[in-house]
C-alpha cells in the first residue's frame, strides 16, 4: 500500500462541495477526489480541448499537441511527482486535467482578443474562466449548475500559481459563491500541478517547434540546459541520427526537471517544518519548486522559446488572424444576438455587464475550427495563414 505523507490532502477530510449530494446518489466506491477527476474527464468542456490550440492554431498536422494532449501529459508528470512526494495523486491528476479548461480558442492570442473585447465588462482571464465553466456553465446534473467539485479542487484551480490579492470579476464571483481563501497558498497538490504544466510545455513545445520547422536543433543549442542534455544524448547514442535523438533529449530534460523539483521540494518541506496540509497553506511561500540553479536555467529556456517560437513571425501572423476571428465574433454577436444559437440566445441577459459576459462565455467555449466556421458564417470571409 502506498505511503501518504501527513501534508497530503485527504479526501476523507475534504471541506465538501457547494451543493450537498445525498449519499444514496453516489455511485461506486470512489472517494471525493476520484469523483472530481472523473467529472472532469466526462465533462463537455474537457472534450472540447482536443480542438483547442496548444502552440499551433487549428493545426493541419495530426502529430502536434493540442490542449487535450497537453493536459494529459501534464497529468502524467503531476502524478509521478505527487506519488514520489506522498501527495494525493487523484487530486493532483484532476487539477492537471482541468487547469486549461477555461482557455478560449487560439490559446493566448484568443485570450488577448477576448480580454480586449470585454474591456468594458471586466475583461477576461482563462484561469478564472476555468472556475466559471466548472461552477456555472457546464450543466450535467439536474439539480445544480456546474460539476459541484470539492472545495480543494476549486481552491487549487483558483490559486495554483499562488495567492491572489485582487481577483478579477469572474474569480471574485466564484469566491463569493464558495469562499476559497484566495490570500493563502494552495495545497501542495495544486503547486505540483502548476509546475507540472511548466515542465510539460517547456519540453514538449520544443518537440512541436522542431517538427513544425520553426525551430532548429542547432539553434536550441544556444540554451545551456538543452546543450548539456543534447551532449549527453549524443554520448549515449553516438551513431543515432539527430532526428531520433530529439525525443531522448525531451525525456531526459523532463526527468532532470522532475528529479530536481522533488529534491528541492523535500528540502523546503523539511526546512519549513511542514507537518500538515494546513502548514503548507500557511507557509507564506511556494514549497514546490526547482532549485535556484535550475530555476535560472528554466527561465532562460522560456526566454528562448518566446523569442524563437511563440513570437516567431509565422506565429505572430497566426495570432493576428486569431484576434480578428475572436474580435469579429464578439462584435457580431453584440450587434445582433439573433446570430447566437437558440439555447444561448434564450438565456442572454438584457443588461451589462452580464450581456457581454454571456457572449464571452459562448465564444470562450468554442474550438478553433468552430470559431473559424462561425466567423465565416456570421462575419464573412477571412484569409488564414498557411497551416492555420
Protein backbone atom coordinates (compact mmCIF):
# COMPACT_ATOMS: atom_id res chain seq x y z
CA UNK A 1 0.00 0.00 0.00
CA UNK A 2 1.33 3.45 -0.94
CA UNK A 3 2.54 5.66 1.90
CA UNK A 4 0.77 9.03 2.04
CA UNK A 5 2.56 11.97 3.64
CA UNK A 6 0.89 13.87 6.51
CA UNK A 7 0.88 17.04 4.36
CA UNK A 8 -1.15 15.37 1.61
CA UNK A 9 -4.76 16.41 1.01
CA UNK A 10 -7.12 13.80 2.45
CA UNK A 11 -10.40 13.18 0.60
CA UNK A 12 -11.96 11.95 3.85
CA UNK A 13 -11.29 15.42 5.34
CA UNK A 14 -12.46 17.43 2.34
CA UNK A 15 -14.27 20.69 3.09
CA UNK A 16 -17.04 19.37 0.89
CA UNK A 17 -18.97 20.61 -2.13
CA UNK A 18 -21.11 23.67 -2.67
CA UNK A 19 -24.23 21.55 -3.14
CA UNK A 20 -24.98 18.66 -0.80
CA UNK A 21 -25.14 15.32 -2.56
CA UNK A 22 -27.30 12.69 -0.90
CA UNK A 23 -25.31 9.59 -0.03
CA UNK A 24 -27.75 7.43 -1.93
CA UNK A 25 -26.96 9.28 -5.15
CA UNK A 26 -23.24 8.45 -5.06
CA UNK A 27 -22.21 5.76 -7.49
CA UNK A 28 -19.43 3.27 -6.85
CA UNK A 29 -16.58 3.16 -4.29
CA UNK A 30 -14.71 6.31 -5.39
CA UNK A 31 -13.57 8.93 -2.90
CA UNK A 32 -14.22 12.66 -3.29
CA UNK A 33 -11.10 13.49 -5.32
CA UNK A 34 -11.54 10.48 -7.59
CA UNK A 35 -15.04 11.74 -8.34
CA UNK A 36 -13.63 15.18 -9.16
CA UNK A 37 -11.18 13.65 -11.62
CA UNK A 38 -13.87 11.57 -13.28
CA UNK A 39 -16.25 14.54 -13.54
CA UNK A 40 -13.55 16.47 -15.37
CA UNK A 41 -12.84 13.63 -17.79
CA UNK A 42 -16.54 13.20 -18.61
CA UNK A 43 -17.23 16.93 -18.99
CA UNK A 44 -18.05 18.57 -22.32
CA UNK A 45 -15.50 21.31 -21.64
CA UNK A 46 -12.71 18.74 -21.30
CA UNK A 47 -13.66 17.01 -24.55
CA UNK A 48 -13.50 20.31 -26.43
CA UNK A 49 -9.81 20.66 -25.55
CA UNK A 50 -8.98 18.22 -28.37
CA UNK A 51 -9.63 21.01 -30.88
CA UNK A 52 -8.11 23.94 -28.98
CA UNK A 53 -4.69 25.46 -29.58
CA UNK A 54 -1.65 24.47 -27.55
CA UNK A 55 1.09 26.12 -29.66
CA UNK A 56 -0.19 25.92 -33.22
CA UNK A 57 -3.63 27.25 -34.09
CA UNK A 58 -6.07 24.84 -35.74
CA UNK A 59 -3.08 22.78 -36.92
CA UNK A 60 -3.30 20.69 -40.09
CA UNK A 61 -0.84 18.10 -38.77
CA UNK A 62 -2.14 15.19 -36.71
CA UNK A 63 1.04 14.96 -34.62
CA UNK A 64 1.05 18.37 -32.96
CA UNK A 65 -0.08 18.73 -29.39
CA UNK A 66 -3.42 20.33 -28.59
CA UNK A 67 -4.83 21.43 -25.21
CA UNK A 68 -6.18 17.94 -24.57
CA UNK A 69 -2.96 16.03 -25.18
CA UNK A 70 -1.02 18.70 -23.29
CA UNK A 71 -3.34 18.30 -20.29
CA UNK A 72 -2.85 14.52 -20.36
CA UNK A 73 0.93 14.98 -20.41
CA UNK A 74 0.74 17.43 -17.50
CA UNK A 75 -1.33 14.90 -15.56
CA UNK A 76 1.22 12.14 -16.16
CA UNK A 77 4.06 14.32 -14.88
CA UNK A 78 1.98 15.60 -11.97
CA UNK A 79 1.01 12.11 -10.82
CA UNK A 80 4.61 10.93 -10.87
CA UNK A 81 5.70 13.87 -8.71
CA UNK A 82 2.76 13.50 -6.33
CA UNK A 83 3.39 9.79 -5.89
CA UNK A 84 7.04 10.35 -5.02
CA UNK A 85 6.25 13.15 -2.54
CA UNK A 86 3.46 11.16 -0.87
CA UNK A 87 0.72 13.56 -2.04
CA UNK A 88 -2.78 12.73 -3.19
CA UNK A 89 -2.43 11.54 -6.77
CA UNK A 90 -6.11 11.79 -7.65
CA UNK A 91 -6.43 15.44 -6.65
CA UNK A 92 -3.18 16.24 -8.45
CA UNK A 93 -4.35 14.49 -11.60
CA UNK A 94 -7.74 16.20 -11.51
CA UNK A 95 -6.11 19.63 -11.19
CA UNK A 96 -3.72 18.87 -14.05
CA UNK A 97 -6.51 17.68 -16.33
CA UNK A 98 -8.69 20.71 -15.60
CA UNK A 99 -6.13 23.51 -15.49
CA UNK A 100 -6.67 24.68 -19.10
CA UNK A 101 -10.42 24.17 -19.44
CA UNK A 102 -11.02 27.94 -19.38
CA UNK A 103 -8.85 28.66 -22.42
CA UNK A 104 -10.73 30.18 -25.36
CA UNK A 105 -9.93 29.13 -28.94
CA UNK A 106 -6.49 30.04 -30.33
CA UNK A 107 -4.70 29.93 -26.99
CA UNK A 108 -3.22 33.15 -25.60
CA UNK A 109 -3.93 35.10 -28.79
CA UNK A 110 -7.61 34.27 -28.41
CA UNK A 111 -7.47 35.23 -24.75
CA UNK A 112 -5.90 38.59 -25.58
CA UNK A 113 -8.66 39.30 -28.11
CA UNK A 114 -11.43 38.29 -25.73
CA UNK A 115 -9.91 40.39 -22.95
CA UNK A 116 -9.87 43.41 -25.24
CA UNK A 117 -13.47 42.80 -26.37
CA UNK A 118 -14.51 42.51 -22.72
CA UNK A 119 -12.64 45.62 -21.54
CA UNK A 120 -15.90 47.36 -20.69
CA UNK A 121 -17.28 44.33 -18.87
CA UNK A 122 -14.40 43.43 -16.57
CA UNK A 123 -12.06 41.72 -19.01
CA UNK A 124 -11.33 38.03 -19.43
CA UNK A 125 -8.90 35.63 -17.73
CA UNK A 126 -8.65 31.98 -18.74
CA UNK A 127 -7.82 30.78 -15.23
CA UNK A 128 -10.88 32.45 -13.73
CA UNK A 129 -12.94 31.20 -16.65
CA UNK A 130 -11.95 27.64 -15.75
CA UNK A 131 -13.83 28.07 -12.47
CA UNK A 132 -16.72 29.81 -14.20
CA UNK A 133 -17.02 26.90 -16.63
CA UNK A 134 -16.85 24.22 -13.94
CA UNK A 135 -19.11 26.04 -11.44
CA UNK A 136 -21.73 27.57 -13.77
CA UNK A 137 -21.58 26.88 -17.49
CA UNK A 138 -21.36 23.09 -17.73
CA UNK A 139 -24.66 21.65 -16.53
CA UNK A 140 -24.60 17.83 -16.50
CA UNK A 141 -26.66 17.46 -13.30
CA UNK A 142 -30.40 18.03 -12.85
CA UNK A 143 -30.33 19.90 -9.52
CA UNK A 144 -27.48 22.41 -9.87
CA UNK A 145 -25.24 24.20 -12.35
CA UNK A 146 -21.63 23.15 -12.70
CA UNK A 147 -19.82 19.94 -11.76
CA UNK A 148 -20.11 20.53 -8.00
CA UNK A 149 -16.42 19.87 -7.41
CA UNK A 150 -14.81 19.75 -3.97
CA UNK A 151 -13.51 22.86 -2.24
CA UNK A 152 -9.95 21.54 -2.55
CA UNK A 153 -10.32 21.15 -6.30
CA UNK A 154 -11.73 24.64 -6.81
CA UNK A 155 -9.17 26.19 -4.45
CA UNK A 156 -6.35 24.52 -6.37
CA UNK A 157 -7.62 25.73 -9.72
CA UNK A 158 -8.14 29.26 -8.44
CA UNK A 159 -4.68 29.82 -6.99
CA UNK A 160 -2.34 27.08 -8.23
CA UNK A 161 0.07 29.87 -9.20
CA UNK A 162 -0.07 31.40 -5.73
CA UNK A 163 -2.19 33.72 -3.57
CA UNK A 164 -4.45 36.27 -5.24
CA UNK A 165 -4.85 39.69 -3.63
CA UNK A 166 -7.17 41.36 -6.15
CA UNK A 167 -9.28 38.83 -8.04
CA UNK A 168 -10.99 39.99 -11.22
CA UNK A 169 -14.75 39.69 -11.54
CA UNK A 170 -15.06 36.03 -12.56
CA UNK A 171 -12.81 34.76 -9.80
CA UNK A 172 -14.34 37.16 -7.27
CA UNK A 173 -17.76 35.81 -8.24
CA UNK A 174 -16.61 32.21 -7.72
CA UNK A 175 -15.04 33.13 -4.38
CA UNK A 176 -18.24 34.87 -3.22
CA UNK A 177 -20.21 31.73 -4.09
CA UNK A 178 -17.84 29.29 -2.36
CA UNK A 179 -15.06 31.13 -0.40
CA UNK A 180 -11.66 29.78 -1.47
CA UNK A 181 -9.28 31.65 0.89
CA UNK A 182 -7.57 33.35 -2.04
CA UNK A 183 -4.97 35.13 0.11
CA UNK A 184 -3.23 31.90 1.17
CA UNK A 185 -1.05 29.45 -0.72
CA UNK A 186 -2.88 26.40 -2.11
CA UNK A 187 -2.35 22.75 -1.35
CA UNK A 188 0.87 21.03 -2.35
CA UNK A 189 -1.11 19.10 -4.97
CA UNK A 190 -2.08 22.38 -6.63
CA UNK A 191 1.52 23.58 -6.52
CA UNK A 192 2.62 20.34 -8.18
CA UNK A 193 0.00 20.77 -10.92
CA UNK A 194 1.25 24.28 -11.68
CA UNK A 195 4.88 23.27 -12.11
CA UNK A 196 4.00 20.05 -13.96
CA UNK A 197 2.38 22.35 -16.52
CA UNK A 198 5.66 24.26 -16.92
CA UNK A 199 7.70 21.06 -17.23
CA UNK A 200 5.36 19.72 -19.90
CA UNK A 201 5.25 22.75 -22.17
CA UNK A 202 8.89 23.75 -21.62
CA UNK A 203 9.90 20.48 -23.23
CA UNK A 204 7.08 19.36 -25.49
CA UNK A 205 6.89 22.74 -27.22
CA UNK A 206 10.50 22.18 -28.32
CA UNK A 207 9.40 18.92 -29.92
CA UNK A 208 6.46 20.57 -31.71
CA UNK A 209 8.55 23.57 -32.77
CA UNK A 210 11.18 21.38 -34.40
CA UNK A 211 8.51 19.21 -36.03
CA UNK A 212 6.88 22.34 -37.49
CA UNK A 213 10.20 23.60 -38.83
CA UNK A 214 10.11 26.78 -36.76
CA UNK A 215 12.97 25.66 -34.52
CA UNK A 216 16.26 24.03 -35.48
CA UNK A 217 18.13 21.67 -33.16
CA UNK A 218 21.39 23.59 -33.72
CA UNK A 219 19.60 26.84 -32.85
CA UNK A 220 18.41 25.42 -29.50
CA UNK A 221 21.99 24.56 -28.55
CA UNK A 222 22.33 28.19 -27.51
CA UNK A 223 20.40 27.30 -24.37
CA UNK A 224 22.89 25.75 -21.86
CA UNK A 225 20.28 23.44 -20.27
CA UNK A 226 19.39 21.98 -23.67
CA UNK A 227 23.01 21.86 -24.87
CA UNK A 228 24.03 19.74 -21.87
CA UNK A 229 21.16 17.34 -22.43
CA UNK A 230 21.92 17.07 -26.13
CA UNK A 231 25.60 16.38 -25.47
CA UNK A 232 24.66 13.61 -23.04
CA UNK A 233 22.20 12.08 -25.52
CA UNK A 234 24.83 12.14 -28.28
CA UNK A 235 27.32 10.44 -25.95
CA UNK A 236 24.85 7.66 -25.14
CA UNK A 237 23.84 7.13 -28.77
CA UNK A 238 26.75 8.36 -30.94
CA UNK A 239 25.61 6.60 -34.12
CA UNK A 240 21.97 7.72 -33.97
CA UNK A 241 20.53 10.36 -36.30
CA UNK A 242 19.69 13.70 -34.72
CA UNK A 243 16.00 13.31 -35.54
CA UNK A 244 15.90 10.12 -33.48
CA UNK A 245 17.69 11.80 -30.58
CA UNK A 246 15.21 14.65 -30.10
CA UNK A 247 12.67 12.51 -28.17
CA UNK A 248 15.54 11.27 -25.99
CA UNK A 249 16.53 14.85 -25.23
CA UNK A 250 12.94 15.70 -24.27
CA UNK A 251 12.62 12.67 -21.99
CA UNK A 252 15.95 13.41 -20.34
CA UNK A 253 15.09 17.05 -19.68
CA UNK A 254 11.75 16.13 -18.16
CA UNK A 255 13.50 13.60 -15.91
CA UNK A 256 16.11 16.14 -14.88
CA UNK A 257 13.47 18.74 -14.03
CA UNK A 258 11.30 16.28 -12.10
CA UNK A 259 14.24 14.95 -10.07
CA UNK A 260 15.46 18.46 -9.25
CA UNK A 261 11.93 19.50 -8.25
CA UNK A 262 11.48 16.53 -5.94
CA UNK A 263 14.83 17.07 -4.19
CA UNK A 264 14.27 20.83 -3.78
CA UNK A 265 10.68 20.39 -2.57
CA UNK A 266 11.73 17.84 0.03
CA UNK A 267 14.35 20.31 1.27
CA UNK A 268 11.79 23.12 1.54
CA UNK A 269 9.29 20.90 3.35
CA UNK A 270 11.96 19.89 5.83
CA UNK A 271 13.31 23.40 6.37
CA UNK A 272 9.80 24.86 6.78
CA UNK A 273 8.85 22.04 9.17
CA UNK A 274 5.71 21.20 7.25
CA UNK A 275 3.68 18.55 9.03
CA UNK A 276 0.11 19.07 7.79
CA UNK A 277 -1.76 20.35 4.74
CA UNK A 278 -2.67 23.47 6.74
CA UNK A 279 1.03 24.08 7.44
CA UNK A 280 1.63 24.11 3.69
CA UNK A 281 -1.14 26.66 3.11
CA UNK A 282 0.18 28.87 5.91
CA UNK A 283 3.86 28.61 4.92
CA UNK A 284 3.78 32.00 3.21
CA UNK A 285 5.83 30.82 0.24
CA UNK A 286 5.92 28.33 -2.59
CA UNK A 287 7.07 24.94 -1.36
CA UNK A 288 7.06 23.02 -4.63
CA UNK A 289 9.72 24.31 -6.98
CA UNK A 290 13.06 23.96 -8.73
CA UNK A 291 16.43 24.59 -7.15
CA UNK A 292 17.82 28.09 -7.63
CA UNK A 293 20.23 26.92 -10.33
CA UNK A 294 17.66 25.05 -12.38
CA UNK A 295 15.11 27.83 -11.90
CA UNK A 296 17.52 30.26 -13.59
CA UNK A 297 18.16 27.83 -16.45
CA UNK A 298 14.46 27.15 -16.91
CA UNK A 299 13.77 30.89 -17.18
CA UNK A 300 16.47 31.14 -19.83
CA UNK A 301 14.80 28.33 -21.78
CA UNK A 302 11.49 30.18 -21.58
CA UNK A 303 13.09 33.38 -22.89
CA UNK A 304 14.47 31.44 -25.85
CA UNK A 305 11.09 29.84 -26.58
CA UNK A 306 9.28 33.18 -26.51
CA UNK A 307 11.83 34.82 -28.79
CA UNK A 308 12.14 31.97 -31.28
CA UNK A 309 8.86 30.02 -31.22
CA UNK A 310 5.96 31.81 -29.54
CA UNK A 311 6.93 35.12 -31.21
CA UNK A 312 8.09 33.57 -34.48
CA UNK A 313 6.79 35.58 -37.49
CA UNK A 314 4.56 32.65 -38.52
CA UNK A 315 3.07 32.53 -35.03
CA UNK A 316 2.57 36.28 -34.91
CA UNK A 317 0.76 36.18 -38.26
CA UNK A 318 -1.49 33.40 -36.95
CA UNK A 319 -2.12 35.38 -33.74
CA UNK A 320 -3.25 38.39 -35.76
CA UNK A 321 -5.73 36.21 -37.64
CA UNK A 322 -6.93 34.68 -34.38
CA UNK A 323 -7.58 38.10 -32.85
CA UNK A 324 -9.53 39.06 -35.97
CA UNK A 325 -11.74 35.99 -35.60
CA UNK A 326 -12.44 36.46 -31.88
CA UNK A 327 -12.94 40.21 -32.08
CA UNK A 328 -15.16 39.85 -35.14
CA UNK A 329 -17.32 37.20 -33.50
CA UNK A 330 -17.78 39.24 -30.34
CA UNK A 331 -18.74 42.31 -32.34
CA UNK A 332 -21.18 40.35 -34.49
CA UNK A 333 -22.97 38.74 -31.54
CA UNK A 334 -23.09 42.01 -29.61
CA UNK A 335 -24.62 43.80 -32.61
CA UNK A 336 -27.07 41.03 -33.49
CA UNK A 337 -27.80 38.50 -30.72
CA UNK A 338 -30.05 36.62 -33.18
CA UNK A 339 -26.83 35.14 -34.56
CA UNK A 340 -26.35 33.18 -31.30
CA UNK A 341 -27.58 29.59 -31.18
CA UNK A 342 -31.09 29.32 -29.77
CA UNK A 343 -30.08 27.93 -26.36
CA UNK A 344 -27.63 30.81 -25.82
CA UNK A 345 -29.99 33.41 -27.25
CA UNK A 346 -32.83 32.38 -24.93
CA UNK A 347 -30.67 32.86 -21.82
CA UNK A 348 -28.97 36.11 -22.91
CA UNK A 349 -29.26 38.73 -20.13
CA UNK A 350 -30.51 42.19 -21.09
CA UNK A 351 -28.24 44.45 -19.05
CA UNK A 352 -24.50 44.98 -18.93
CA UNK A 353 -22.05 43.60 -17.99
CA UNK A 354 -23.97 40.30 -17.89
CA UNK A 355 -24.92 40.65 -21.57
CA UNK A 356 -21.29 40.84 -22.74
CA UNK A 357 -20.14 38.16 -20.30
CA UNK A 358 -22.72 35.75 -21.68
CA UNK A 359 -21.44 36.31 -25.21
CA UNK A 360 -17.86 35.81 -23.99
CA UNK A 361 -18.87 32.55 -22.31
CA UNK A 362 -20.15 31.26 -25.65
CA UNK A 363 -17.04 32.31 -27.58
CA UNK A 364 -14.64 31.01 -24.92
CA UNK A 365 -16.17 27.55 -25.20
CA UNK A 366 -15.58 27.33 -28.95
CA UNK A 367 -12.91 25.15 -30.53
CA UNK A 368 -10.53 26.72 -33.05
CA UNK A 369 -12.27 25.32 -36.10
CA UNK A 370 -15.76 26.06 -34.85
CA UNK A 371 -14.75 29.67 -34.24
CA UNK A 372 -13.42 29.98 -37.80
CA UNK A 373 -16.60 28.44 -39.22
CA UNK A 374 -18.83 30.72 -37.17
CA UNK A 375 -16.79 33.78 -38.23
CA UNK A 376 -17.24 32.94 -41.89
CA UNK A 377 -20.95 32.40 -41.31
CA UNK A 378 -21.62 35.48 -39.15
CA UNK A 379 -18.99 37.98 -40.33
CA UNK A 380 -17.59 36.99 -43.71
CA UNK A 381 -14.56 35.51 -45.48
CA UNK A 382 -11.15 35.55 -43.84
CA UNK A 383 -7.76 34.67 -45.27
CA UNK A 384 -5.79 32.46 -42.88
CA UNK A 385 -2.00 31.88 -42.84
CA UNK A 386 -0.68 28.63 -44.25
CA UNK A 387 -1.00 25.78 -41.76
CA UNK A 388 -3.61 27.63 -39.66
